[in-house]
Protein backbone atom coordinates (compact mmCIF):
# COMPACT_ATOMS: atom_id res chain seq x y z
CA UNK A 1 31.92 -0.60 6.94
CA UNK A 2 29.31 -3.19 7.80
CA UNK A 3 26.06 -4.14 6.11
CA UNK A 4 23.00 -5.29 8.01
CA UNK A 5 20.89 -7.39 5.64
CA UNK A 6 17.28 -8.07 6.56
CA UNK A 7 16.11 -10.86 4.26
CA UNK A 8 12.51 -12.00 3.90
CA UNK A 9 12.28 -15.68 2.87
CA UNK A 10 10.00 -16.57 0.00
CA UNK A 11 7.50 -19.41 0.28
CA UNK A 12 4.09 -20.30 -1.13
CA UNK A 13 2.27 -18.33 1.58
CA UNK A 14 4.60 -15.32 1.65
CA UNK A 15 3.04 -11.90 1.30
CA UNK A 16 5.09 -8.73 0.97
CA UNK A 17 3.92 -5.18 0.30
CA UNK A 18 6.97 -3.71 -1.42
CA UNK A 19 5.32 -0.29 -1.83
CA UNK A 20 4.71 -0.01 1.91
CA UNK A 21 8.23 -1.24 2.63
CA UNK A 22 9.84 1.32 0.32
CA UNK A 23 7.54 4.30 0.99
CA UNK A 24 6.77 3.87 4.70
CA UNK A 25 8.90 1.34 6.56
CA UNK A 26 12.35 2.19 5.24
CA UNK A 27 11.90 5.98 5.56
CA UNK A 28 10.77 5.39 9.17
CA UNK A 29 13.86 3.23 9.78
CA UNK A 30 16.08 5.94 8.29
CA UNK A 31 14.54 8.57 10.54
CA UNK A 32 14.91 6.43 13.67
CA UNK A 33 18.53 5.39 13.03
CA UNK A 34 19.72 8.90 12.22
CA UNK A 35 23.22 9.76 11.05
CA UNK A 36 24.66 6.39 12.12
CA UNK A 37 22.91 4.94 9.05
CA UNK A 38 25.26 5.73 6.16
CA UNK A 39 23.12 4.35 3.32
CA UNK A 40 20.40 1.85 2.56
CA UNK A 41 19.15 -0.26 -0.33
CA UNK A 42 16.08 -2.37 -1.02
CA UNK A 43 15.88 -5.39 -3.32
CA UNK A 44 12.72 -7.11 -4.53
CA UNK A 45 13.34 -10.74 -5.53
CA UNK A 46 12.54 -11.67 -9.12
CA UNK A 47 13.87 -15.20 -9.66
CA UNK A 48 16.14 -17.93 -8.36
CA UNK A 49 19.32 -19.20 -10.00
CA UNK A 50 17.67 -21.84 -12.18
CA UNK A 51 15.35 -20.88 -15.04
CA UNK A 52 11.81 -20.50 -13.73
CA UNK A 53 12.84 -20.89 -10.09
CA UNK A 54 11.30 -18.50 -7.58
CA UNK A 55 13.58 -16.17 -5.61
CA UNK A 56 14.88 -17.50 -2.28
CA UNK A 57 13.98 -14.15 -0.70
CA UNK A 58 10.91 -12.12 -1.61
CA UNK A 59 12.72 -8.93 -0.56
CA UNK A 60 15.84 -7.69 1.20
CA UNK A 61 16.70 -4.47 2.98
CA UNK A 62 20.32 -3.47 3.46
CA UNK A 63 21.54 -0.92 6.00
CA UNK A 64 25.13 0.34 6.05
CA UNK A 65 26.98 1.50 9.17
CA UNK A 66 30.57 2.27 10.09
CA UNK A 67 30.68 -0.58 12.63
CA UNK A 68 28.64 -3.20 14.46
CA UNK A 69 28.75 -0.99 17.54
CA UNK A 70 27.35 1.95 15.55
CA UNK A 71 24.47 -0.27 14.37
CA UNK A 72 23.71 -1.63 17.83
CA UNK A 73 23.82 1.81 19.42
CA UNK A 74 21.48 3.31 16.80
CA UNK A 75 19.09 0.34 16.60
CA UNK A 76 18.68 -0.34 20.32
CA UNK A 77 16.37 2.52 21.37
CA UNK A 78 13.90 2.37 18.41
CA UNK A 79 14.08 -1.41 17.87
CA UNK A 80 10.65 -2.20 19.33
CA UNK A 81 8.93 0.36 17.11
CA UNK A 82 10.81 -0.78 14.00
CA UNK A 83 10.06 -4.46 14.64
CA UNK A 84 6.40 -3.73 15.45
CA UNK A 85 5.94 -2.40 11.90
CA UNK A 86 6.84 -5.74 10.23
CA UNK A 87 3.24 -7.11 10.17
CA UNK A 88 2.20 -4.02 8.19
CA UNK A 89 4.07 -5.27 5.12
CA UNK A 90 4.76 -9.00 5.45
CA UNK A 91 3.70 -12.25 7.04
CA UNK A 92 7.22 -13.71 6.86
CA UNK A 93 9.84 -13.83 9.60
CA UNK A 94 12.94 -11.89 8.49
CA UNK A 95 16.45 -13.33 8.64
CA UNK A 96 19.18 -10.91 9.72
CA UNK A 97 22.82 -11.04 8.75
CA UNK A 98 25.62 -8.61 9.58
CA UNK A 99 28.49 -8.62 7.09
CA UNK A 100 31.84 -6.89 6.79
CA UNK A 101 31.84 -5.07 3.44
CA UNK A 102 35.09 -5.56 1.54
CA UNK A 103 34.36 -3.79 -1.77
């Protein structure tokens, strides 16, 4: 299983509409990716590692697939529509990471 993490860096000017992300964007993503998407999770950053430190990422979305190929096949056709929705909930540029899930 692989996890596609879409992480939104936090900075002084970062804006993020978590309600829109959870109620509109992620359901749209789920509908577009279909059965290839095995599960998903959303995190909203609260704090950094040191007391009083801000979170490194204001939010993160995680998408789980059986393989990288399954992700690429599912994401390819609707990618433009999914990416075009980003300005509706944030002014940050997301960072993407694909990981092999071990546990």
